[in-house]
Amino acid sequence: SGQWSGGKAVCVQMTSPSAAGLFHKVITMSNPCTLHTVPRGDGS
């Protein structure tokens, strides 16, 4: 489990082949594993 960037760490560990079998459940707080694009000031 983790909160904010700790939650992001949980997310990326879910996609790491070398983490296979090291955990059996996850809790991610205040950091969803997918993220909508953050815009610039000009909208791009």
PDB file of all heavy atoms in Angstrom:
ATOM      1  N   SER A   1       0.850  -1.191   0.000  1.00  0.00           N
ATOM      2  CA  SER A   1       0.000   0.000   0.000  1.00  0.00           C
ATOM      3  C   SER A   1       0.881   1.235   0.000  1.00  0.00           C
ATOM      4  O   SER A   1       2.077   1.173   0.308  1.00  0.00           O
ATOM      5  CB  SER A   1      -0.923   0.006   1.226  1.00  0.00           C
ATOM      6  OG  SER A   1      -0.163   0.142   2.429  1.00  0.00           O
ATOM      7  N   GLY A   2       0.284   2.372  -0.334  1.00  0.00           N
ATOM      8  CA  GLY A   2       1.023   3.624  -0.322  1.00  0.00           C
ATOM      9  C   GLY A   2       0.096   4.782  -0.608  1.00  0.00           C
ATOM     10  O   GLY A   2      -1.008   4.598  -1.138  1.00  0.00           O
ATOM     11  N   GLN A   3       0.558   5.982  -0.248  1.00  0.00           N
ATOM     12  CA  GLN A   3      -0.227   7.186  -0.462  1.00  0.00           C
ATOM     13  C   GLN A   3       0.573   8.175  -1.293  1.00  0.00           C
ATOM     14  O   GLN A   3       1.786   8.305  -1.129  1.00  0.00           O
ATOM     15  CB  GLN A   3      -0.614   7.806   0.893  1.00  0.00           C
ATOM     16  CG  GLN A   3      -1.671   8.898   0.792  1.00  0.00           C
ATOM     17  CD  GLN A   3      -1.143  10.271   1.135  1.00  0.00           C
ATOM     18  OE1 GLN A   3       0.071  10.501   1.173  1.00  0.00           O
ATOM     19  NE2 GLN A   3      -2.033  11.219   1.356  1.00  0.00           N
ATOM     20  N   TRP A   4      -0.122   8.858  -2.211  1.00  0.00           N
ATOM     21  CA  TRP A   4       0.453   9.805  -3.181  1.00  0.00           C
ATOM     22  C   TRP A   4       1.542   9.109  -3.981  1.00  0.00           C
ATOM     23  O   TRP A   4       1.260   8.107  -4.645  1.00  0.00           O
ATOM     24  CB  TRP A   4       0.951  11.072  -2.490  1.00  0.00           C
ATOM     25  CG  TRP A   4       1.134  12.206  -3.473  1.00  0.00           C
ATOM     26  CD1 TRP A   4       2.274  12.875  -3.753  1.00  0.00           C
ATOM     27  CD2 TRP A   4       0.124  12.786  -4.326  1.00  0.00           C
ATOM     28  NE1 TRP A   4       2.056  13.833  -4.729  1.00  0.00           N
ATOM     29  CE2 TRP A   4       0.755  13.803  -5.090  1.00  0.00           C
ATOM     30  CE3 TRP A   4      -1.244  12.545  -4.512  1.00  0.00           C
ATOM     31  CZ2 TRP A   4       0.060  14.566  -6.033  1.00  0.00           C
ATOM     32  CZ3 TRP A   4      -1.932  13.325  -5.454  1.00  0.00           C
ATOM     33  CH2 TRP A   4      -1.272  14.314  -6.187  1.00  0.00           C
ATOM     34  N   SER A   5       2.819   9.523  -3.930  1.00  0.00           N
ATOM     35  CA  SER A   5       3.806   8.813  -4.742  1.00  0.00           C
ATOM     36  C   SER A   5       4.019   7.391  -4.238  1.00  0.00           C
ATOM     37  O   SER A   5       4.416   6.508  -5.023  1.00  0.00           O
ATOM     38  CB  SER A   5       5.133   9.580  -4.760  1.00  0.00           C
ATOM     39  OG  SER A   5       5.660   9.701  -3.457  1.00  0.00           O
ATOM     40  N   GLY A   6       3.775   7.136  -2.947  1.00  0.00           N
ATOM     41  CA  GLY A   6       3.796   5.756  -2.469  1.00  0.00           C
ATOM     42  C   GLY A   6       2.728   4.931  -3.144  1.00  0.00           C
ATOM     43  O   GLY A   6       2.928   3.746  -3.446  1.00  0.00           O
ATOM     44  N   GLY A   7       1.566   5.542  -3.399  1.00  0.00           N
ATOM     45  CA  GLY A   7       0.520   4.865  -4.168  1.00  0.00           C
ATOM     46  C   GLY A   7       0.922   4.650  -5.608  1.00  0.00           C
ATOM     47  O   GLY A   7       0.613   3.616  -6.207  1.00  0.00           O
ATOM     48  N   LYS A   8       1.643   5.623  -6.184  1.00  0.00           N
ATOM     49  CA  LYS A   8       2.147   5.439  -7.547  1.00  0.00           C
ATOM     50  C   LYS A   8       3.156   4.299  -7.596  1.00  0.00           C
ATOM     51  O   LYS A   8       3.195   3.520  -8.557  1.00  0.00           O
ATOM     52  CB  LYS A   8       2.786   6.740  -8.047  1.00  0.00           C
ATOM     53  CG  LYS A   8       3.280   6.682  -9.493  1.00  0.00           C
ATOM     54  CD  LYS A   8       2.141   6.416 -10.468  1.00  0.00           C
ATOM     55  CE  LYS A   8       1.194   7.587 -10.573  1.00  0.00           C
ATOM     56  NZ  LYS A   8       0.097   7.315 -11.533  1.00  0.00           N
ATOM     57  N   ALA A   9       3.976   4.179  -6.549  1.00  0.00           N
ATOM     58  CA  ALA A   9       4.925   3.062  -6.493  1.00  0.00           C
ATOM     59  C   ALA A   9       4.180   1.731  -6.497  1.00  0.00           C
ATOM     60  O   ALA A   9       4.603   0.775  -7.162  1.00  0.00           O
ATOM     61  CB  ALA A   9       5.800   3.183  -5.249  1.00  0.00           C
ATOM     62  N   VAL A  10       3.089   1.661  -5.760  1.00  0.00           N
ATOM     63  CA  VAL A  10       2.275   0.442  -5.761  1.00  0.00           C
ATOM     64  C   VAL A  10       1.795   0.135  -7.175  1.00  0.00           C
ATOM     65  O   VAL A  10       1.851  -1.011  -7.645  1.00  0.00           O
ATOM     66  CB  VAL A  10       1.083   0.602  -4.799  1.00  0.00           C
ATOM     67  CG1 VAL A  10       0.061  -0.513  -5.003  1.00  0.00           C
ATOM     68  CG2 VAL A  10       1.558   0.614  -3.353  1.00  0.00           C
ATOM     69  N   CYS A  11       1.339   1.168  -7.861  1.00  0.00           N
ATOM     70  CA  CYS A  11       0.839   0.976  -9.225  1.00  0.00           C
ATOM     71  C   CYS A  11       1.923   0.423 -10.144  1.00  0.00           C
ATOM     72  O   CYS A  11       1.692  -0.548 -10.878  1.00  0.00           O
ATOM     73  CB  CYS A  11       0.320   2.301  -9.787  1.00  0.00           C
ATOM     74  SG  CYS A  11      -1.113   2.988  -8.939  1.00  0.00           S
ATOM     75  N   VAL A  12       3.095   1.044 -10.133  1.00  0.00           N
ATOM     76  CA  VAL A  12       4.120   0.602 -11.073  1.00  0.00           C
ATOM     77  C   VAL A  12       4.657  -0.773 -10.692  1.00  0.00           C
ATOM     78  O   VAL A  12       5.044  -1.549 -11.575  1.00  0.00           O
ATOM     79  CB  VAL A  12       5.250   1.640 -11.225  1.00  0.00           C
ATOM     80  CG1 VAL A  12       4.705   2.940 -11.788  1.00  0.00           C
ATOM     81  CG2 VAL A  12       5.984   1.881  -9.923  1.00  0.00           C
ATOM     82  N   GLN A  13       4.662  -1.104  -9.405  1.00  0.00           N
ATOM     83  CA  GLN A  13       5.079  -2.459  -9.027  1.00  0.00           C
ATOM     84  C   GLN A  13       4.124  -3.498  -9.596  1.00  0.00           C
ATOM     85  O   GLN A  13       4.542  -4.631  -9.897  1.00  0.00           O
ATOM     86  CB  GLN A  13       5.157  -2.598  -7.500  1.00  0.00           C
ATOM     87  CG  GLN A  13       6.253  -1.788  -6.825  1.00  0.00           C
ATOM     88  CD  GLN A  13       7.659  -2.285  -7.110  1.00  0.00           C
ATOM     89  OE1 GLN A  13       7.900  -3.153  -7.949  1.00  0.00           O
ATOM     90  NE2 GLN A  13       8.630  -1.717  -6.414  1.00  0.00           N
ATOM     91  N   MET A  14       2.882  -3.131  -9.796  1.00  0.00           N
ATOM     92  CA  MET A  14       1.923  -4.059 -10.406  1.00  0.00           C
ATOM     93  C   MET A  14       2.295  -4.410 -11.835  1.00  0.00           C
ATOM     94  O   MET A  14       1.859  -5.438 -12.355  1.00  0.00           O
ATOM     95  CB  MET A  14       0.514  -3.460 -10.380  1.00  0.00           C
ATOM     96  CG  MET A  14      -0.094  -3.317  -9.001  1.00  0.00           C
ATOM     97  SD  MET A  14      -1.738  -2.557  -9.075  1.00  0.00           S
ATOM     98  CE  MET A  14      -2.707  -3.908  -9.773  1.00  0.00           C
ATOM     99  N   THR A  15       3.117  -3.580 -12.469  1.00  0.00           N
ATOM    100  CA  THR A  15       3.491  -3.820 -13.868  1.00  0.00           C
ATOM    101  C   THR A  15       4.933  -4.301 -14.013  1.00  0.00           C
ATOM    102  O   THR A  15       5.402  -4.476 -15.136  1.00  0.00           O
ATOM    103  CB  THR A  15       3.306  -2.543 -14.707  1.00  0.00           C
ATOM    104  OG1 THR A  15       4.307  -1.581 -14.356  1.00  0.00           O
ATOM    105  CG2 THR A  15       1.922  -1.939 -14.494  1.00  0.00           C
ATOM    106  N   SER A  16       5.629  -4.505 -12.907  1.00  0.00           N
ATOM    107  CA  SER A  16       7.033  -4.904 -12.959  1.00  0.00           C
ATOM    108  C   SER A  16       7.171  -6.422 -12.953  1.00  0.00           C
ATOM    109  O   SER A  16       6.764  -7.077 -11.987  1.00  0.00           O
ATOM    110  CB  SER A  16       7.792  -4.328 -11.759  1.00  0.00           C
ATOM    111  OG  SER A  16       9.114  -4.827 -11.724  1.00  0.00           O
ATOM    112  N   PRO A  17       7.747  -7.022 -13.986  1.00  0.00           N
ATOM    113  CA  PRO A  17       7.914  -8.478 -13.991  1.00  0.00           C
ATOM    114  C   PRO A  17       8.710  -8.993 -12.794  1.00  0.00           C
ATOM    115  O   PRO A  17       8.417 -10.074 -12.272  1.00  0.00           O
ATOM    116  CB  PRO A  17       8.659  -8.733 -15.305  1.00  0.00           C
ATOM    117  CG  PRO A  17       8.284  -7.588 -16.188  1.00  0.00           C
ATOM    118  CD  PRO A  17       8.185  -6.409 -15.262  1.00  0.00           C
ATOM    119  N   SER A  18       9.692  -8.228 -12.323  1.00  0.00           N
ATOM    120  CA  SER A  18      10.527  -8.707 -11.219  1.00  0.00           C
ATOM    121  C   SER A  18       9.815  -8.642  -9.872  1.00  0.00           C
ATOM    122  O   SER A  18      10.348  -9.132  -8.868  1.00  0.00           O
ATOM    123  CB  SER A  18      11.831  -7.909 -11.154  1.00  0.00           C
ATOM    124  OG  SER A  18      11.588  -6.522 -11.130  1.00  0.00           O
ATOM    125  N   ALA A  19       8.608  -8.060  -9.828  1.00  0.00           N
ATOM    126  CA  ALA A  19       7.821  -8.033  -8.591  1.00  0.00           C
ATOM    127  C   ALA A  19       6.847  -9.204  -8.515  1.00  0.00           C
ATOM    128  O   ALA A  19       6.119  -9.336  -7.526  1.00  0.00           O
ATOM    129  CB  ALA A  19       7.054  -6.720  -8.474  1.00  0.00           C
ATOM    130  N   ALA A  20       6.821 -10.064  -9.523  1.00  0.00           N
ATOM    131  CA  ALA A  20       5.862 -11.176  -9.556  1.00  0.00           C
ATOM    132  C   ALA A  20       6.002 -12.047  -8.311  1.00  0.00           C
ATOM    133  O   ALA A  20       7.107 -12.444  -7.927  1.00  0.00           O
ATOM    134  CB  ALA A  20       6.082 -12.018 -10.807  1.00  0.00           C
ATOM    135  N   GLY A  21       4.883 -12.314  -7.659  1.00  0.00           N
ATOM    136  CA  GLY A  21       4.856 -13.188  -6.508  1.00  0.00           C
ATOM    137  C   GLY A  21       5.248 -12.547  -5.199  1.00  0.00           C
ATOM    138  O   GLY A  21       5.180 -13.193  -4.147  1.00  0.00           O
ATOM    139  N   LEU A  22       5.640 -11.277  -5.208  1.00  0.00           N
ATOM    140  CA  LEU A  22       6.079 -10.621  -3.984  1.00  0.00           C
ATOM    141  C   LEU A  22       4.938 -10.008  -3.186  1.00  0.00           C
ATOM    142  O   LEU A  22       5.130  -9.608  -2.037  1.00  0.00           O
ATOM    143  CB  LEU A  22       7.118  -9.538  -4.298  1.00  0.00           C
ATOM    144  CG  LEU A  22       8.434 -10.026  -4.905  1.00  0.00           C
ATOM    145  CD1 LEU A  22       9.353  -8.849  -5.199  1.00  0.00           C
ATOM    146  CD2 LEU A  22       9.122 -11.022  -3.970  1.00  0.00           C
ATOM    147  N   PHE A  23       3.751  -9.889  -3.765  1.00  0.00           N
ATOM    148  CA  PHE A  23       2.591  -9.352  -3.054  1.00  0.00           C
ATOM    149  C   PHE A  23       1.331  -9.985  -3.621  1.00  0.00           C
ATOM    150  O   PHE A  23       1.326 -10.533  -4.728  1.00  0.00           O
ATOM    151  CB  PHE A  23       2.540  -7.825  -3.149  1.00  0.00           C
ATOM    152  CG  PHE A  23       2.527  -7.291  -4.566  1.00  0.00           C
ATOM    153  CD1 PHE A  23       1.346  -7.114  -5.258  1.00  0.00           C
ATOM    154  CD2 PHE A  23       3.715  -6.958  -5.203  1.00  0.00           C
ATOM    155  CE1 PHE A  23       1.338  -6.635  -6.555  1.00  0.00           C
ATOM    156  CE2 PHE A  23       3.723  -6.472  -6.500  1.00  0.00           C
ATOM    157  CZ  PHE A  23       2.531  -6.309  -7.177  1.00  0.00           C
ATOM    158  N   HIS A  24       0.247  -9.873  -2.855  1.00  0.00           N
ATOM    159  CA  HIS A  24      -0.979 -10.596  -3.189  1.00  0.00           C
ATOM    160  C   HIS A  24      -2.218  -9.705  -3.226  1.00  0.00           C
ATOM    161  O   HIS A  24      -3.281 -10.150  -3.657  1.00  0.00           O
ATOM    162  CB  HIS A  24      -1.183 -11.726  -2.176  1.00  0.00           C
ATOM    163  CG  HIS A  24       0.065 -12.543  -1.981  1.00  0.00           C
ATOM    164  ND1 HIS A  24       0.961 -12.280  -0.964  1.00  0.00           N
ATOM    165  CD2 HIS A  24       0.591 -13.559  -2.712  1.00  0.00           C
ATOM    166  CE1 HIS A  24       1.981 -13.130  -1.055  1.00  0.00           C
ATOM    167  NE2 HIS A  24       1.793 -13.905  -2.095  1.00  0.00           N
ATOM    168  N   LYS A  25      -2.081  -8.443  -2.792  1.00  0.00           N
ATOM    169  CA  LYS A  25      -3.150  -7.450  -2.849  1.00  0.00           C
ATOM    170  C   LYS A  25      -2.492  -6.083  -2.866  1.00  0.00           C
ATOM    171  O   LYS A  25      -1.329  -5.950  -2.451  1.00  0.00           O
ATOM    172  CB  LYS A  25      -4.086  -7.560  -1.624  1.00  0.00           C
ATOM    173  CG  LYS A  25      -4.673  -8.931  -1.388  1.00  0.00           C
ATOM    174  CD  LYS A  25      -5.431  -8.977  -0.064  1.00  0.00           C
ATOM    175  CE  LYS A  25      -5.765 -10.404   0.316  1.00  0.00           C
ATOM    176  NZ  LYS A  25      -4.547 -11.177   0.681  1.00  0.00           N
ATOM    177  N   VAL A  26      -3.242  -5.055  -3.309  1.00  0.00           N
ATOM    178  CA  VAL A  26      -2.679  -3.707  -3.327  1.00  0.00           C
ATOM    179  C   VAL A  26      -3.707  -2.696  -2.854  1.00  0.00           C
ATOM    180  O   VAL A  26      -4.913  -2.851  -3.061  1.00  0.00           O
ATOM    181  CB  VAL A  26      -2.173  -3.296  -4.734  1.00  0.00           C
ATOM    182  CG1 VAL A  26      -1.130  -4.272  -5.251  1.00  0.00           C
ATOM    183  CG2 VAL A  26      -3.314  -3.171  -5.720  1.00  0.00           C
ATOM    184  N   ILE A  27      -3.205  -1.645  -2.201  1.00  0.00           N
ATOM    185  CA  ILE A  27      -4.009  -0.486  -1.809  1.00  0.00           C
ATOM    186  C   ILE A  27      -3.270   0.754  -2.282  1.00  0.00           C
ATOM    187  O   ILE A  27      -2.113   0.981  -1.900  1.00  0.00           O
ATOM    188  CB  ILE A  27      -4.203  -0.409  -0.284  1.00  0.00           C
ATOM    189  CG1 ILE A  27      -4.917  -1.653   0.248  1.00  0.00           C
ATOM    190  CG2 ILE A  27      -4.993   0.852   0.085  1.00  0.00           C
ATOM    191  CD1 ILE A  27      -5.006  -1.712   1.778  1.00  0.00           C
ATOM    192  N   THR A  28      -3.899   1.541  -3.130  1.00  0.00           N
ATOM    193  CA  THR A  28      -3.284   2.784  -3.590  1.00  0.00           C
ATOM    194  C   THR A  28      -4.173   3.952  -3.183  1.00  0.00           C
ATOM    195  O   THR A  28      -5.354   3.998  -3.531  1.00  0.00           O
ATOM    196  CB  THR A  28      -3.004   2.775  -5.103  1.00  0.00           C
ATOM    197  OG1 THR A  28      -2.497   4.051  -5.512  1.00  0.00           O
ATOM    198  CG2 THR A  28      -4.231   2.431  -5.923  1.00  0.00           C
ATOM    199  N   MET A  29      -3.607   4.884  -2.429  1.00  0.00           N
ATOM    200  CA  MET A  29      -4.335   6.003  -1.850  1.00  0.00           C
ATOM    201  C   MET A  29      -3.905   7.301  -2.518  1.00  0.00           C
ATOM    202  O   MET A  29      -2.718   7.609  -2.598  1.00  0.00           O
ATOM    203  CB  MET A  29      -4.058   6.069  -0.344  1.00  0.00           C
ATOM    204  CG  MET A  29      -4.419   4.800   0.417  1.00  0.00           C
ATOM    205  SD  MET A  29      -3.600   4.642   2.030  1.00  0.00           S
ATOM    206  CE  MET A  29      -4.147   6.146   2.839  1.00  0.00           C
ATOM    207  N   SER A  30      -4.890   8.052  -3.016  1.00  0.00           N
ATOM    208  CA  SER A  30      -4.654   9.373  -3.598  1.00  0.00           C
ATOM    209  C   SER A  30      -3.697   9.346  -4.775  1.00  0.00           C
ATOM    210  O   SER A  30      -2.956  10.300  -4.998  1.00  0.00           O
ATOM    211  CB  SER A  30      -4.131  10.346  -2.526  1.00  0.00           C
ATOM    212  OG  SER A  30      -5.108  10.577  -1.551  1.00  0.00           O
ATOM    213  N   ASN A  31      -3.687   8.255  -5.509  1.00  0.00           N
ATOM    214  CA  ASN A  31      -2.886   8.224  -6.726  1.00  0.00           C
ATOM    215  C   ASN A  31      -3.385   7.100  -7.621  1.00  0.00           C
ATOM    216  O   ASN A  31      -2.898   5.973  -7.530  1.00  0.00           O
ATOM    217  CB  ASN A  31      -1.407   8.028  -6.426  1.00  0.00           C
ATOM    218  CG  ASN A  31      -0.545   8.713  -7.473  1.00  0.00           C
ATOM    219  OD1 ASN A  31      -0.888   8.708  -8.646  1.00  0.00           O
ATOM    220  ND2 ASN A  31       0.552   9.309  -7.055  1.00  0.00           N
ATOM    221  N   PRO A  32      -4.355   7.393  -8.476  1.00  0.00           N
ATOM    222  CA  PRO A  32      -4.860   6.350  -9.369  1.00  0.00           C
ATOM    223  C   PRO A  32      -3.775   5.868 -10.314  1.00  0.00           C
ATOM    224  O   PRO A  32      -2.867   6.607 -10.692  1.00  0.00           O
ATOM    225  CB  PRO A  32      -5.980   7.059 -10.129  1.00  0.00           C
ATOM    226  CG  PRO A  32      -5.668   8.506 -10.031  1.00  0.00           C
ATOM    227  CD  PRO A  32      -5.002   8.687  -8.707  1.00  0.00           C
ATOM    228  N   CYS A  33      -3.864   4.614 -10.687  1.00  0.00           N
ATOM    229  CA  CYS A  33      -2.810   4.013 -11.507  1.00  0.00           C
ATOM    230  C   CYS A  33      -2.847   4.464 -12.957  1.00  0.00           C
ATOM    231  O   CYS A  33      -1.846   4.371 -13.654  1.00  0.00           O
ATOM    232  CB  CYS A  33      -2.919   2.488 -11.439  1.00  0.00           C
ATOM    233  SG  CYS A  33      -2.580   1.821  -9.793  1.00  0.00           S
ATOM    234  N   THR A  34      -3.982   4.902 -13.435  1.00  0.00           N
ATOM    235  CA  THR A  34      -4.047   5.515 -14.759  1.00  0.00           C
ATOM    236  C   THR A  34      -4.298   6.997 -14.552  1.00  0.00           C
ATOM    237  O   THR A  34      -4.886   7.403 -13.564  1.00  0.00           O
ATOM    238  CB  THR A  34      -5.176   4.911 -15.617  1.00  0.00           C
ATOM    239  OG1 THR A  34      -6.435   5.129 -14.964  1.00  0.00           O
ATOM    240  CG2 THR A  34      -4.965   3.425 -15.806  1.00  0.00           C
ATOM    241  N   LEU A  35      -3.839   7.819 -15.467  1.00  0.00           N
ATOM    242  CA  LEU A  35      -3.887   9.258 -15.248  1.00  0.00           C
ATOM    243  C   LEU A  35      -4.220   9.961 -16.548  1.00  0.00           C
ATOM    244  O   LEU A  35      -3.629   9.685 -17.586  1.00  0.00           O
ATOM    245  CB  LEU A  35      -2.542   9.769 -14.727  1.00  0.00           C
ATOM    246  CG  LEU A  35      -2.518  11.198 -14.215  1.00  0.00           C
ATOM    247  CD1 LEU A  35      -3.335  11.290 -12.930  1.00  0.00           C
ATOM    248  CD2 LEU A  35      -1.094  11.649 -13.948  1.00  0.00           C
ATOM    249  N   HIS A  36      -5.192  10.878 -16.464  1.00  0.00           N
ATOM    250  CA  HIS A  36      -5.505  11.686 -17.636  1.00  0.00           C
ATOM    251  C   HIS A  36      -4.344  12.647 -17.896  1.00  0.00           C
ATOM    252  O   HIS A  36      -3.643  13.061 -16.992  1.00  0.00           O
ATOM    253  CB  HIS A  36      -6.793  12.473 -17.400  1.00  0.00           C
ATOM    254  CG  HIS A  36      -7.294  13.186 -18.612  1.00  0.00           C
ATOM    255  ND1 HIS A  36      -7.615  12.520 -19.768  1.00  0.00           N
ATOM    256  CD2 HIS A  36      -7.521  14.491 -18.848  1.00  0.00           C
ATOM    257  CE1 HIS A  36      -8.029  13.387 -20.667  1.00  0.00           C
ATOM    258  NE2 HIS A  36      -7.976  14.591 -20.135  1.00  0.00           N
ATOM    259  N   THR A  37      -4.126  12.999 -19.162  1.00  0.00           N
ATOM    260  CA  THR A  37      -3.015  13.867 -19.535  1.00  0.00           C
ATOM    261  C   THR A  37      -3.098  15.214 -18.822  1.00  0.00           C
ATOM    262  O   THR A  37      -4.151  15.833 -18.759  1.00  0.00           O
ATOM    263  CB  THR A  37      -3.019  14.105 -21.057  1.00  0.00           C
ATOM    264  OG1 THR A  37      -2.945  12.843 -21.704  1.00  0.00           O
ATOM    265  CG2 THR A  37      -1.840  14.953 -21.467  1.00  0.00           C
ATOM    266  N   VAL A  38      -1.987  15.660 -18.289  1.00  0.00           N
ATOM    267  CA  VAL A  38      -1.903  16.979 -17.664  1.00  0.00           C
ATOM    268  C   VAL A  38      -1.626  18.013 -18.747  1.00  0.00           C
ATOM    269  O   VAL A  38      -0.653  17.885 -19.494  1.00  0.00           O
ATOM    270  CB  VAL A  38      -0.793  17.006 -16.607  1.00  0.00           C
ATOM    271  CG1 VAL A  38      -0.692  18.377 -15.965  1.00  0.00           C
ATOM    272  CG2 VAL A  38      -1.049  15.947 -15.544  1.00  0.00           C
ATOM    273  N   PRO A  39      -2.469  19.059 -18.893  1.00  0.00           N
ATOM    274  CA  PRO A  39      -2.276  20.001 -19.995  1.00  0.00           C
ATOM    275  C   PRO A  39      -1.263  21.087 -19.689  1.00  0.00           C
ATOM    276  O   PRO A  39      -0.965  21.395 -18.556  1.00  0.00           O
ATOM    277  CB  PRO A  39      -3.667  20.622 -20.138  1.00  0.00           C
ATOM    278  CG  PRO A  39      -4.213  20.594 -18.754  1.00  0.00           C
ATOM    279  CD  PRO A  39      -3.659  19.354 -18.106  1.00  0.00           C
ATOM    280  N   ARG A  40      -0.720  21.667 -20.744  1.00  0.00           N
ATOM    281  CA  ARG A  40       0.077  22.885 -20.622  1.00  0.00           C
ATOM    282  C   ARG A  40      -0.875  24.083 -20.562  1.00  0.00           C
ATOM    283  O   ARG A  40      -2.082  23.949 -20.683  1.00  0.00           O
ATOM    284  CB  ARG A  40       0.961  23.077 -21.862  1.00  0.00           C
ATOM    285  CG  ARG A  40       2.003  22.024 -22.148  1.00  0.00           C
ATOM    286  CD  ARG A  40       2.776  22.523 -23.366  1.00  0.00           C
ATOM    287  NE  ARG A  40       3.480  21.485 -24.063  1.00  0.00           N
ATOM    288  CZ  ARG A  40       4.740  21.168 -23.846  1.00  0.00           C
ATOM    289  NH1 ARG A  40       5.393  21.767 -22.887  1.00  0.00           N
ATOM    290  NH2 ARG A  40       5.327  20.229 -24.558  1.00  0.00           N
ATOM    291  N   GLY A  41      -0.293  25.258 -20.434  1.00  0.00           N
ATOM    292  CA  GLY A  41      -1.105  26.459 -20.420  1.00  0.00           C
ATOM    293  C   GLY A  41      -1.814  26.727 -21.736  1.00  0.00           C
ATOM    294  O   GLY A  41      -2.866  27.350 -21.753  1.00  0.00           O
ATOM    295  N   ASP A  42      -1.243  26.249 -22.852  1.00  0.00           N
ATOM    296  CA  ASP A  42      -1.887  26.506 -24.133  1.00  0.00           C
ATOM    297  C   ASP A  42      -2.868  25.400 -24.504  1.00  0.00           C
ATOM    298  O   ASP A  42      -3.418  25.387 -25.601  1.00  0.00           O
ATOM    299  CB  ASP A  42      -0.841  26.670 -25.248  1.00  0.00           C
ATOM    300  CG  ASP A  42       0.014  25.418 -25.424  1.00  0.00           C
ATOM    301  OD1 ASP A  42      -0.231  24.414 -24.712  1.00  0.00           O
ATOM    302  OD2 ASP A  42       0.929  25.446 -26.269  1.00  0.00           O
ATOM    303  N   GLY A  43      -3.077  24.469 -23.573  1.00  0.00           N
ATOM    304  CA  GLY A  43      -4.038  23.399 -23.830  1.00  0.00           C
ATOM    305  C   GLY A  43      -3.428  22.146 -24.410  1.00  0.00           C
ATOM    306  O   GLY A  43      -4.084  21.104 -24.453  1.00  0.00           O
ATOM    307  N   SER A  44      -2.165  22.188 -24.856  1.00  0.00           N
ATOM    308  CA  SER A  44      -1.545  20.989 -25.411  1.00  0.00           C
ATOM    309  C   SER A  44      -0.990  20.122 -24.289  1.00  0.00           C
ATOM    310  O   SER A  44      -0.686  20.617 -23.209  1.00  0.00           O
ATOM    311  CB  SER A  44      -0.423  21.374 -26.375  1.00  0.00           C
ATOM    312  OG  SER A  44       0.571  22.115 -25.704  1.00  0.00           O
TER     313      SER A  44
END
